[in-house]
Amino acid sequence: MSRQTIDRSDESTREKTERVVNGRVQRVLDGIRTLGNCATSQYSMTDADKENVTNAIDKALKDLRSVYAGLASRSGGFTL
């Protein structure tokens, strides 16, 4: 199956920004919702695990705010 190329030559910078940001934010929100599935009884997460997950998300959001404010660069990943 071949990928179809979409002609975006008439797309403004603002339109491109909206398209890219909307897609990325939606993927983040979907990921957070999916991560919530780990709170079910099918998984064995301790309270400390849950705290680590929420702290990592809080830190990533804080880092994002700093990047947007021009105060910092991106940081590393996460391991449970």
Protein backbone atom coordinates (compact mmCIF):
# COMPACT_ATOMS: atom_id res chain seq x y z
CA MET A 1 0.00 0.00 0.00
CA SER A 2 1.51 3.32 -1.03
CA ARG A 3 1.26 6.54 0.92
CA GLN A 4 -0.66 9.28 -0.76
CA THR A 5 1.06 12.66 -0.81
CA ILE A 6 -1.05 15.64 0.19
CA ASP A 7 -0.23 18.94 -1.48
CA ARG A 8 0.13 21.52 1.27
CA SER A 9 1.97 24.13 -0.78
CA ASP A 10 -0.80 26.66 -0.18
CA GLU A 11 -0.81 26.03 3.58
CA SER A 12 0.15 29.06 5.67
CA THR A 13 2.53 28.80 8.61
CA ARG A 14 -0.41 29.28 10.97
CA GLU A 15 -2.41 26.52 9.26
CA LYS A 16 0.56 24.17 9.48
CA THR A 17 1.02 25.03 13.16
CA GLU A 18 -2.64 24.34 13.91
CA ARG A 19 -2.57 21.05 12.00
CA VAL A 20 0.60 19.78 13.65
CA VAL A 21 -0.21 20.98 17.19
CA ASN A 22 -3.79 19.69 17.09
CA GLY A 23 -2.59 16.24 16.08
CA ARG A 24 0.15 16.11 18.69
CA VAL A 25 -2.07 17.34 21.51
CA GLN A 26 -4.72 14.79 20.57
CA ARG A 27 -2.11 11.99 20.67
CA VAL A 28 -0.98 13.15 24.13
CA LEU A 29 -4.56 13.24 25.42
CA ASP A 30 -5.28 9.81 23.93
CA GLY A 31 -2.11 8.48 25.55
CA ILE A 32 -3.09 9.84 28.95
CA ARG A 33 -6.54 8.28 28.64
CA THR A 34 -4.98 4.97 27.61
CA LEU A 35 -2.57 5.17 30.52
CA GLY A 36 -5.59 5.39 32.79
CA ASN A 37 -6.43 1.83 31.74
CA CYS A 38 -3.45 0.72 33.86
CA ALA A 39 -5.46 1.65 36.94
CA THR A 40 -7.73 -1.38 36.45
CA SER A 41 -7.41 -4.64 38.35
CA GLN A 42 -5.75 -6.25 35.30
CA TYR A 43 -2.55 -4.45 36.26
CA SER A 44 -0.54 -4.48 39.46
CA MET A 45 0.37 -0.87 40.13
CA THR A 46 1.32 0.18 43.62
CA ASP A 47 0.40 3.58 45.00
CA ALA A 48 4.07 4.51 44.56
CA ASP A 49 3.90 3.48 40.87
CA LYS A 50 0.81 5.63 40.35
CA GLU A 51 2.51 8.54 42.09
CA ASN A 52 5.60 8.12 39.88
CA VAL A 53 3.45 8.16 36.74
CA THR A 54 1.52 11.28 37.73
CA ASN A 55 4.71 13.01 38.89
CA ALA A 56 6.37 12.27 35.54
CA ILE A 57 3.38 13.74 33.68
CA ASP A 58 3.32 16.78 35.97
CA LYS A 59 7.06 17.31 35.39
CA ALA A 60 6.67 16.97 31.62
CA LEU A 61 3.90 19.56 31.66
CA LYS A 62 6.01 21.89 33.81
CA ASP A 63 8.93 21.40 31.38
CA LEU A 64 6.62 22.15 28.43
CA ARG A 65 5.53 25.39 30.08
CA SER A 66 9.19 26.34 30.55
CA VAL A 67 10.03 25.53 26.93
CA TYR A 68 7.09 27.64 25.73
CA ALA A 69 8.22 30.47 27.99
CA GLY A 70 11.73 30.19 26.52
CA LEU A 71 13.23 29.29 29.89
CA ALA A 72 14.44 25.73 29.27
CA SER A 73 15.09 23.00 26.76
CA ARG A 74 13.54 19.54 26.56
CA SER A 75 14.40 16.90 29.16
CA GLY A 76 14.70 13.09 29.17
CA GLY A 77 12.25 10.20 29.32
CA PHE A 78 10.51 8.14 31.97
CA THR A 79 10.98 4.72 33.52
CA LEU A 80 8.68 3.18 36.10
